[in-house]
Amino acid sequence: LLISHDRDVLDNVADHIVHIDQQRVTLYPGNYADFEEQRAARLALQQAAYEKQQREIAHLESFITRFRAKATKARQAQSRVKALERMERIAAAHVDSPFQFQFAPPERLPNPLLTVENVAAGYDGRPVVERVHLVIGSGARIGLLGHNGAGKSTLIKLLAGILSPLAGRMETGQGLMIGYFAQHQLEQLRPDWSPLRHLQQLDTRTSDQDLRNFLGGFGFAGDRALEAVVPFSGGEKARLALALLIWQRPNLLLLDEPTNHLDLEMRHALTLALQDYQGALIVVSHDRHLLRTVTDEFLLVANGGAQPFNGDLDDYRDWLNAQQRAVNRDAASSNAGAGNSAVERREQKRQDAERRQQLAIKRKPLDQQIRTLEQRMDLLHREQKTLDAALADPASYDEANKNRLREWLLRKGEVDRELAALETQWLEVQGAIEALAADLT
């Protein structure tokens, strides 16, 4: 039994999701992505049934109101009263998310916002990252990748102005407004102040009601906005810190692990807000879903530098695995003794290069198969969603739609069967790729 705020973990590990909502527990088969689809379909069906029942109730109540006083219709009116009393009421669909906010457009958006030329950054005069060249344009959406301790947070602090460069030059655009978020900022909140008072310190002109309305989008509704911060959880403090940052309308966001304390609903709300954000964004995060959905380029911080990474997060995972294999090989070589000659080392490098070339040649047609299968599966998944939505609509089961319903059901079966077959093929090809890599490693 696993509780996690990491969508990727839930997608890759879970085969059932237990959802607790409105004091009810519902079990959904599948992973988190399956849960989201099923829940959306269930809510849509529930809302459609609720609206249909409300129309029926309105019709019955109208009949009762019109004819209850008439002797000739009194019996029919009374039967409708009893029908209303017996009717099991359907609740309106309800999605219990207290988080709803967005970034206001920045007041100014210089381009470029920040230019970094041959900069080094570190602590006590010792550089952690060096030779950094970076031009941050007004539309940049950059994710920082790298091992823990490689210097990602150091680079973020440099860009935020927390650290001064040890070498090189930084030039800021006129009107640059940085919004910097890091975990240590949670401890800088005043424990005896309320969320409202924190926001009042940033803006003395806006009315308290407008400030409270804004805080409500971050889960601080009603009296919660007036309570002292001291008993707040880490997640609540993180939400408040984000609210204070967003209120200031930055044009460059520098986010260092912004989702660490956030639950899935707040992560989802933050992701949506960042997708619509009109400024530039640089983010460090272990949340792969966040990186995939809000960034469009990556910078790899490694070996004391920062270079553009030409690939996606799957490529980065492969890079990490290759790095680990290299470390393991080096360790094995060290354990074998330091007596290897230069000739032997050159021969080993030649063999390694030959193995990599063989792997690339043999893997190419398999990679093409994977791409072809995934393209077809994407098409079928989209068609499957369309069919599921149609079959979840109560109107589809009206007599007038009988023929179309039959066609949808038949097509749904065909799509499901083809998807199952394609997924089996995909697993087989993926297994062949992994076996090939293992044989040649």
Protein backbone atom coordinates (compact mmCIF):
# COMPACT_ATOMS: atom_id res chain seq x y z
CA LEU A 1 0.00 0.00 0.00
CA LEU A 2 1.64 3.19 -1.21
CA ILE A 3 0.90 6.87 -0.60
CA SER A 4 2.75 9.20 -2.97
CA HIS A 5 2.58 12.66 -4.51
CA ASP A 6 4.67 11.47 -7.48
CA ARG A 7 2.49 10.77 -10.52
CA ASP A 8 5.24 8.81 -12.27
CA VAL A 9 5.62 6.48 -9.28
CA LEU A 10 1.87 5.88 -9.16
CA ASP A 11 1.75 5.32 -12.93
CA ASN A 12 4.66 2.86 -12.93
CA VAL A 13 3.98 0.97 -9.68
CA ALA A 14 0.26 0.98 -8.86
CA ASP A 15 -2.31 -1.30 -10.50
CA HIS A 16 -5.22 0.06 -8.42
CA ILE A 17 -5.94 3.51 -6.99
CA VAL A 18 -7.94 4.06 -3.79
CA HIS A 19 -9.54 7.51 -3.93
CA ILE A 20 -10.86 9.15 -0.75
CA ASP A 21 -13.29 11.98 -1.49
CA GLN A 22 -16.30 13.42 0.33
CA GLN A 23 -15.82 10.84 3.12
CA ARG A 24 -16.17 8.02 0.59
CA VAL A 25 -13.60 5.48 -0.55
CA THR A 26 -13.64 4.35 -4.21
CA LEU A 27 -11.37 1.72 -5.76
CA TYR A 28 -10.30 2.26 -9.38
CA PRO A 29 -8.43 -0.37 -11.45
CA GLY A 30 -5.27 0.74 -13.21
CA ASN A 31 -2.60 3.34 -12.53
CA TYR A 32 -2.98 7.07 -11.83
CA ALA A 33 -3.52 8.01 -15.48
CA ASP A 34 -6.27 5.37 -15.71
CA PHE A 35 -7.81 6.73 -12.49
CA GLU A 36 -7.97 10.26 -13.92
CA GLU A 37 -9.73 9.05 -17.08
CA GLN A 38 -12.18 6.81 -15.20
CA ARG A 39 -12.97 9.46 -12.61
CA ALA A 40 -13.57 12.08 -15.31
CA ALA A 41 -15.93 9.70 -17.15
CA ARG A 42 -17.73 8.81 -13.90
CA LEU A 43 -18.16 12.47 -12.95
CA ALA A 44 -19.44 13.31 -16.43
CA LEU A 45 -21.95 10.46 -16.23
CA GLN A 46 -23.00 11.46 -12.71
CA GLN A 47 -23.48 15.09 -13.74
CA ALA A 48 -25.53 14.09 -16.79
CA ALA A 49 -27.73 11.83 -14.64
CA TYR A 50 -28.08 14.61 -12.04
CA GLU A 51 -29.17 17.15 -14.66
CA LYS A 52 -31.64 14.69 -16.16
CA GLN A 53 -33.11 13.99 -12.71
CA GLN A 54 -33.36 17.71 -11.95
CA ARG A 55 -35.41 18.19 -15.12
CA GLU A 56 -37.68 15.33 -14.06
CA ILE A 57 -38.06 16.77 -10.55
CA ALA A 58 -38.90 20.21 -11.96
CA HIS A 59 -41.51 18.64 -14.22
CA LEU A 60 -43.13 16.72 -11.33
CA GLU A 61 -43.10 19.74 -9.03
CA SER A 62 -44.66 21.88 -11.74
CA PHE A 63 -47.47 19.32 -12.20
CA ILE A 64 -48.08 19.13 -8.43
CA THR A 65 -48.18 22.93 -8.08
CA ARG A 66 -50.62 23.31 -10.97
CA PHE A 67 -53.05 20.50 -10.24
CA ARG A 68 -52.95 19.68 -6.51
CA ALA A 69 -55.93 22.01 -5.82
CA LYS A 70 -58.04 20.59 -8.67
CA ALA A 71 -60.35 17.76 -7.63
CA THR A 72 -60.09 16.04 -11.01
CA LYS A 73 -56.27 15.95 -10.85
CA ALA A 74 -55.73 15.56 -7.10
CA ARG A 75 -55.07 11.81 -7.28
CA GLN A 76 -52.49 12.19 -10.08
CA ALA A 77 -50.85 15.05 -8.20
CA GLN A 78 -50.67 12.96 -5.03
CA SER A 79 -49.08 10.05 -6.92
CA ARG A 80 -46.41 12.44 -8.17
CA VAL A 81 -45.79 13.67 -4.62
CA LYS A 82 -45.15 10.07 -3.58
CA ALA A 83 -42.92 9.55 -6.61
CA LEU A 84 -40.84 12.53 -5.54
CA GLU A 85 -40.60 11.21 -1.98
CA ARG A 86 -39.44 7.78 -3.18
CA MET A 87 -36.93 9.15 -5.66
CA GLU A 88 -33.31 8.51 -4.67
CA ARG A 89 -31.61 11.81 -5.29
CA ILE A 90 -28.45 11.92 -7.39
CA ALA A 91 -25.83 14.37 -6.13
CA ALA A 92 -24.27 16.85 -8.51
CA ALA A 93 -20.78 15.86 -9.61
CA HIS A 94 -18.25 17.50 -7.35
CA VAL A 95 -14.50 17.80 -7.77
CA ASP A 96 -13.06 18.68 -4.41
CA SER A 97 -10.07 20.87 -5.30
CA PRO A 98 -9.59 24.06 -3.28
CA PHE A 99 -6.78 25.30 -5.53
CA GLN A 100 -7.45 27.62 -8.43
CA PHE A 101 -5.04 30.38 -9.39
CA GLN A 102 -3.05 31.79 -12.28
CA PHE A 103 -0.13 34.11 -12.97
CA ALA A 104 -1.08 37.63 -13.96
CA PRO A 105 0.85 38.82 -17.03
CA PRO A 106 4.16 40.47 -16.09
CA GLU A 107 4.08 44.26 -16.19
CA ARG A 108 7.27 44.29 -18.28
CA LEU A 109 8.95 41.57 -20.32
CA PRO A 110 12.43 42.58 -21.52
CA ASN A 111 14.19 40.36 -24.02
CA PRO A 112 16.63 38.99 -23.11
CA LEU A 113 15.85 38.96 -19.42
CA LEU A 114 19.28 37.83 -18.30
CA THR A 115 22.62 37.17 -20.03
CA VAL A 116 25.36 35.05 -18.44
CA GLU A 117 28.84 35.02 -20.01
CA ASN A 118 31.61 32.64 -18.91
CA VAL A 119 30.40 32.74 -15.31
CA ALA A 120 31.63 30.64 -12.38
CA ALA A 121 29.66 30.21 -9.16
CA GLY A 122 30.38 28.49 -5.87
CA TYR A 123 31.16 29.00 -2.21
CA ASP A 124 34.17 30.37 -0.30
CA GLY A 125 35.94 31.14 -3.55
CA ARG A 126 35.71 27.55 -4.79
CA PRO A 127 33.61 27.14 -7.96
CA VAL A 128 30.92 24.46 -8.21
CA VAL A 129 29.96 25.34 -11.80
CA GLU A 130 32.18 27.16 -14.30
CA ARG A 131 32.18 28.46 -17.88
CA VAL A 132 28.42 28.97 -17.86
CA HIS A 133 27.04 30.72 -20.95
CA LEU A 134 23.31 31.37 -20.95
CA VAL A 135 20.93 33.83 -22.60
CA ILE A 136 17.47 33.72 -21.01
CA GLY A 137 14.91 35.02 -23.48
CA SER A 138 11.41 36.18 -22.59
CA GLY A 139 9.89 32.85 -23.62
CA ALA A 140 12.50 30.50 -22.14
CA ARG A 141 11.18 27.40 -20.34
CA ILE A 142 14.24 25.53 -19.08
CA GLY A 143 14.55 22.48 -16.84
CA LEU A 144 17.86 21.87 -15.05
CA LEU A 145 19.05 18.26 -15.02
CA GLY A 146 21.93 16.64 -13.17
CA HIS A 147 22.93 14.47 -10.23
CA ASN A 148 22.25 15.66 -6.69
CA GLY A 149 25.17 17.86 -5.73
CA ALA A 150 26.13 18.65 -9.33
CA GLY A 151 25.36 22.35 -8.87
CA LYS A 152 21.75 22.86 -10.01
CA SER A 153 20.75 24.79 -6.88
CA THR A 154 24.02 26.73 -7.02
CA LEU A 155 23.21 27.83 -10.57
CA ILE A 156 19.67 28.83 -9.57
CA LYS A 157 21.05 30.89 -6.65
CA LEU A 158 23.48 32.59 -9.03
CA LEU A 159 20.68 33.54 -11.43
CA ALA A 160 18.53 34.73 -8.50
CA GLY A 161 21.31 37.00 -7.24
CA ILE A 162 21.73 35.06 -3.99
CA LEU A 163 25.31 34.22 -5.03
CA SER A 164 27.70 36.62 -6.73
CA PRO A 165 29.69 35.28 -9.69
CA LEU A 166 33.25 34.21 -8.93
CA ALA A 167 34.19 34.96 -12.53
CA GLY A 168 32.55 36.14 -15.73
CA ARG A 169 29.79 38.65 -16.37
CA MET A 170 26.03 38.82 -15.87
CA GLU A 171 23.78 41.41 -17.53
CA THR A 172 20.14 41.94 -16.53
CA GLY A 173 17.42 43.24 -18.81
CA GLN A 174 15.77 46.53 -17.91
CA GLY A 175 12.72 45.78 -15.80
CA LEU A 176 13.82 42.27 -14.77
CA MET A 177 11.61 40.99 -11.92
CA ILE A 178 12.75 37.65 -10.48
CA GLY A 179 10.47 35.29 -8.61
CA TYR A 180 12.66 32.84 -6.67
CA PHE A 181 11.31 29.82 -4.80
CA ALA A 182 13.41 27.47 -2.68
CA GLN A 183 12.68 25.23 0.29
CA HIS A 184 14.56 27.40 2.80
CA GLN A 185 12.08 30.21 2.16
CA LEU A 186 9.42 28.27 4.05
CA GLU A 187 11.40 28.86 7.24
CA GLN A 188 11.50 32.60 6.53
CA LEU A 189 7.74 32.96 6.90
CA ARG A 190 6.79 34.79 10.09
CA PRO A 191 5.18 32.12 12.33
CA ASP A 192 3.02 34.65 14.20
CA TRP A 193 1.69 36.26 11.01
CA SER A 194 -1.33 35.09 9.04
CA PRO A 195 -1.33 34.49 5.27
CA LEU A 196 -3.26 37.75 4.87
CA ARG A 197 -0.70 39.74 6.85
CA HIS A 198 2.16 38.29 4.80
CA LEU A 199 0.40 39.46 1.63
CA GLN A 200 -0.45 42.85 3.13
CA GLN A 201 3.28 43.47 3.64
CA LEU A 202 3.77 43.10 -0.11
CA ASP A 203 0.81 45.23 -1.14
CA THR A 204 -0.63 48.00 1.01
CA ARG A 205 -2.94 49.39 -1.69
CA THR A 206 -5.10 46.38 -2.58
CA SER A 207 -8.21 45.82 -0.45
CA ASP A 208 -8.20 43.06 2.15
CA GLN A 209 -11.11 41.38 0.38
CA ASP A 210 -9.20 41.14 -2.90
CA LEU A 211 -6.16 39.78 -1.06
CA ARG A 212 -8.34 37.19 0.69
CA ASN A 213 -9.96 36.20 -2.60
CA PHE A 214 -6.49 35.60 -4.05
CA LEU A 215 -5.39 33.55 -1.03
CA GLY A 216 -8.55 31.45 -1.35
CA GLY A 217 -7.19 30.03 -4.60
CA PHE A 218 -4.31 28.54 -2.63
CA GLY A 219 -6.51 26.84 -0.03
CA PHE A 220 -6.57 29.72 2.49
CA ALA A 221 -10.26 30.49 2.33
CA GLY A 222 -12.37 32.12 5.03
CA ASP A 223 -10.83 32.29 8.50
CA ARG A 224 -7.88 30.19 7.31
CA ALA A 225 -6.41 33.37 5.80
CA LEU A 226 -6.42 34.96 9.26
CA GLU A 227 -4.77 32.14 11.23
CA ALA A 228 -1.14 32.25 12.33
CA VAL A 229 1.32 30.30 10.18
CA VAL A 230 2.98 28.55 13.15
CA PRO A 231 0.92 25.29 13.02
CA PHE A 232 0.91 25.08 9.21
CA SER A 233 2.21 21.93 7.53
CA GLY A 234 5.08 21.99 5.06
CA GLY A 235 2.59 21.83 2.20
CA GLU A 236 0.60 24.79 3.53
CA LYS A 237 3.77 26.85 3.97
CA ALA A 238 4.86 25.97 0.42
CA ARG A 239 1.47 27.09 -0.91
CA LEU A 240 1.75 30.39 0.96
CA ALA A 241 5.30 30.98 -0.31
CA LEU A 242 4.10 30.33 -3.87
CA ALA A 243 1.15 32.68 -3.37
CA LEU A 244 3.47 35.48 -2.21
CA LEU A 245 5.74 34.88 -5.21
CA ILE A 246 2.89 34.83 -7.74
CA TRP A 247 1.32 38.02 -6.35
CA GLN A 248 4.48 39.96 -7.26
CA ARG A 249 4.06 39.23 -11.00
CA PRO A 250 7.66 38.20 -11.80
CA ASN A 251 8.84 37.96 -15.39
CA LEU A 252 11.51 35.35 -14.59
CA LEU A 253 10.61 32.40 -12.37
CA LEU A 254 13.44 30.47 -10.72
CA LEU A 255 11.94 27.43 -8.98
CA ASP A 256 14.07 25.03 -6.92
CA GLU A 257 12.00 21.91 -6.10
CA PRO A 258 8.66 23.77 -5.94
CA THR A 259 6.52 20.62 -5.52
CA ASN A 260 8.38 18.90 -2.66
CA HIS A 261 5.66 19.46 -0.05
CA LEU A 262 2.68 19.73 -2.39
CA ASP A 263 -0.06 17.14 -2.80
CA LEU A 264 -1.23 15.97 -6.23
CA GLU A 265 -4.11 18.45 -6.51
CA MET A 266 -1.88 21.44 -5.75
CA ARG A 267 0.80 20.08 -8.11
CA HIS A 268 -1.85 19.86 -10.82
CA ALA A 269 -3.02 23.43 -10.16
CA LEU A 270 0.58 24.71 -10.21
CA THR A 271 1.29 22.85 -13.45
CA LEU A 272 -1.74 24.42 -15.15
CA ALA A 273 -0.74 27.89 -13.92
CA LEU A 274 2.85 27.46 -15.14
CA GLN A 275 1.67 26.28 -18.55
CA ASP A 276 -0.15 29.61 -19.01
CA TYR A 277 2.62 31.73 -17.46
CA GLN A 278 3.79 34.40 -19.92
CA GLY A 279 7.28 35.01 -18.52
CA ALA A 280 10.45 32.90 -18.56
CA LEU A 281 10.89 29.85 -16.35
CA ILE A 282 13.86 27.87 -15.02
CA VAL A 283 13.03 24.94 -12.76
CA VAL A 284 14.85 22.28 -10.77
CA SER A 285 12.58 19.38 -9.86
CA HIS A 286 12.47 15.63 -9.32
CA ASP A 287 8.84 15.76 -10.50
CA ARG A 288 9.14 14.34 -14.03
CA HIS A 289 5.51 15.19 -14.84
CA LEU A 290 6.11 18.85 -14.00
CA LEU A 291 9.30 18.97 -16.09
CA ARG A 292 7.60 17.28 -19.05
CA THR A 293 4.61 19.62 -19.07
CA VAL A 294 6.07 23.07 -18.31
CA THR A 295 9.54 23.05 -19.93
CA ASP A 296 10.60 22.73 -23.55
CA GLU A 297 14.40 22.56 -23.21
CA PHE A 298 16.92 21.20 -20.72
CA LEU A 299 20.28 22.27 -19.36
CA LEU A 300 22.52 19.50 -18.02
CA VAL A 301 24.59 20.49 -14.98
CA ALA A 302 27.47 18.01 -14.78
CA ASN A 303 31.25 17.85 -14.47
CA GLY A 304 31.42 21.41 -13.17
CA GLY A 305 29.61 22.95 -16.14
CA ALA A 306 26.17 23.53 -17.64
CA GLN A 307 25.45 22.56 -21.24
CA PRO A 308 22.28 22.25 -23.34
CA PHE A 309 20.94 18.68 -23.21
CA ASN A 310 19.75 17.45 -26.59
CA GLY A 311 17.01 15.02 -25.62
CA ASP A 312 14.00 14.39 -23.42
CA LEU A 313 13.66 12.91 -19.93
CA ASP A 314 13.86 9.36 -21.26
CA ASP A 315 17.16 10.24 -22.92
CA TYR A 316 18.31 11.73 -19.62
CA ARG A 317 17.46 8.48 -17.84
CA ASP A 318 19.55 6.61 -20.41
CA TRP A 319 22.40 9.08 -19.82
CA LEU A 320 22.22 8.47 -16.06
CA ASN A 321 22.31 4.71 -16.62
CA ALA A 322 25.30 5.06 -18.94
CA GLN A 323 27.08 7.16 -16.32
CA GLN A 324 26.42 4.52 -13.68
CA ARG A 325 27.69 1.75 -15.94
CA ALA A 326 30.86 3.73 -16.56
CA VAL A 327 31.35 4.15 -12.81
CA ASN A 328 30.84 0.41 -12.32
CA ARG A 329 33.36 -0.40 -15.05
CA ASP A 330 35.90 1.96 -13.54
CA ALA A 331 35.40 0.38 -10.13
CA ALA A 332 35.83 -3.09 -11.62
CA SER A 333 39.01 -1.99 -13.38
CA SER A 334 40.39 -0.56 -10.14
CA ASN A 335 39.62 -3.76 -8.28
CA ALA A 336 41.40 -5.76 -10.95
CA GLY A 337 44.56 -3.84 -10.12
CA ALA A 338 46.43 -0.91 -11.48
CA GLY A 339 48.67 -3.05 -13.68
CA ASN A 340 46.76 -2.63 -16.92
CA SER A 341 49.04 -1.29 -19.57
CA ALA A 342 48.23 1.64 -21.83
CA VAL A 343 47.86 -0.84 -24.69
CA GLU A 344 45.27 -2.82 -22.76
CA ARG A 345 43.33 0.34 -21.92
CA ARG A 346 43.31 1.40 -25.57
CA GLU A 347 42.11 -2.06 -26.56
CA GLN A 348 39.33 -1.86 -23.97
CA LYS A 349 38.23 1.52 -25.31
CA ARG A 350 38.27 0.15 -28.86
CA GLN A 351 36.12 -2.81 -27.82
CA ASP A 352 33.70 -0.52 -25.97
CA ALA A 353 33.37 1.70 -29.05
CA GLU A 354 32.80 -1.36 -31.23
CA ARG A 355 30.08 -2.63 -28.89
CA ARG A 356 28.35 0.75 -28.92
CA GLN A 357 28.43 0.79 -32.72
CA GLN A 358 27.00 -2.74 -32.89
CA LEU A 359 24.26 -1.74 -30.46
CA ALA A 360 23.34 1.33 -32.52
CA ILE A 361 23.18 -0.70 -35.76
CA LYS A 362 21.08 -3.51 -34.29
CA ARG A 363 18.86 -1.17 -32.29
CA LYS A 364 17.91 1.17 -35.15
CA PRO A 365 15.17 -1.03 -36.73
CA LEU A 366 13.81 -1.85 -33.27
CA ASP A 367 13.58 1.86 -32.40
CA GLN A 368 11.70 2.42 -35.66
CA GLN A 369 9.25 -0.34 -34.72
CA ILE A 370 8.71 1.31 -31.33
CA ARG A 371 7.98 4.68 -32.97
CA THR A 372 5.54 3.12 -35.45
CA LEU A 373 3.73 1.21 -32.71
CA GLU A 374 3.52 4.26 -30.44
CA GLN A 375 2.12 6.45 -33.23
CA ARG A 376 -0.62 3.91 -33.92
CA MET A 377 -1.32 3.46 -30.20
CA ASP A 378 -1.63 7.24 -29.75
CA LEU A 379 -4.24 7.38 -32.51
CA LEU A 380 -6.19 4.51 -30.98
CA HIS A 381 -6.00 6.00 -27.48
CA ARG A 382 -7.52 9.23 -28.78
CA GLU A 383 -10.29 7.30 -30.54
CA GLN A 384 -10.83 5.23 -27.39
CA LYS A 385 -11.33 8.40 -25.32
CA THR A 386 -13.85 9.72 -27.85
CA LEU A 387 -15.78 6.44 -27.76
CA ASP A 388 -15.68 6.30 -23.95
CA ALA A 389 -17.09 9.82 -23.76
CA ALA A 390 -19.89 8.91 -26.17
CA LEU A 391 -20.73 5.74 -24.25
CA ALA A 392 -20.73 7.67 -20.94
CA ASP A 393 -23.38 10.07 -22.27
CA PRO A 394 -26.88 8.96 -21.15
CA ALA A 395 -28.32 10.42 -24.37
CA SER A 396 -26.43 7.76 -26.34
CA TYR A 397 -28.86 5.17 -24.98
CA ASP A 398 -31.97 6.90 -26.30
CA GLU A 399 -33.99 4.95 -28.84
CA ALA A 400 -33.08 7.44 -31.57
CA ASN A 401 -29.38 6.61 -31.16
CA LYS A 402 -29.80 2.83 -31.18
CA ASN A 403 -27.93 2.24 -34.46
CA ARG A 404 -25.11 4.63 -33.61
CA LEU A 405 -24.75 3.02 -30.19
CA ARG A 406 -24.35 -0.40 -31.81
CA GLU A 407 -21.63 1.01 -34.11
CA TRP A 408 -19.82 2.62 -31.17
CA LEU A 409 -19.89 -0.59 -29.14
CA LEU A 410 -18.55 -2.63 -32.07
CA ARG A 411 -15.81 -0.09 -32.76
CA LYS A 412 -14.94 0.09 -29.05
CA GLY A 413 -14.35 -3.66 -29.06
CA GLU A 414 -12.16 -3.42 -32.16
CA VAL A 415 -10.10 -0.57 -30.71
CA ASP A 416 -9.63 -2.35 -27.38
CA ARG A 417 -8.49 -5.55 -29.09
CA GLU A 418 -6.06 -3.77 -31.42
CA LEU A 419 -4.63 -1.75 -28.54
CA ALA A 420 -4.06 -4.90 -26.50
CA ALA A 421 -2.27 -6.54 -29.44
CA LEU A 422 -0.13 -3.44 -30.08
CA GLU A 423 0.80 -3.16 -26.41
CA THR A 424 1.92 -6.79 -26.46
CA GLN A 425 4.06 -6.10 -29.54
CA TRP A 426 5.49 -2.97 -27.89
CA LEU A 427 6.50 -4.95 -24.80
CA GLU A 428 8.15 -7.62 -26.96
CA VAL A 429 10.16 -5.08 -28.98
CA GLN A 430 11.09 -3.16 -25.83
CA GLY A 431 12.24 -6.42 -24.27
CA ALA A 432 14.36 -7.14 -27.34
CA ILE A 433 16.00 -3.70 -27.05
CA GLU A 434 16.78 -4.23 -23.37
CA ALA A 435 18.14 -7.73 -24.03
CA LEU A 436 20.29 -6.39 -26.86
CA ALA A 437 21.71 -3.66 -24.62
CA ALA A 438 22.42 -6.19 -21.87
CA ASP A 439 24.20 -8.56 -24.27
CA LEU A 440 26.44 -5.82 -25.64
CA THR A 441 27.21 -4.15 -22.29
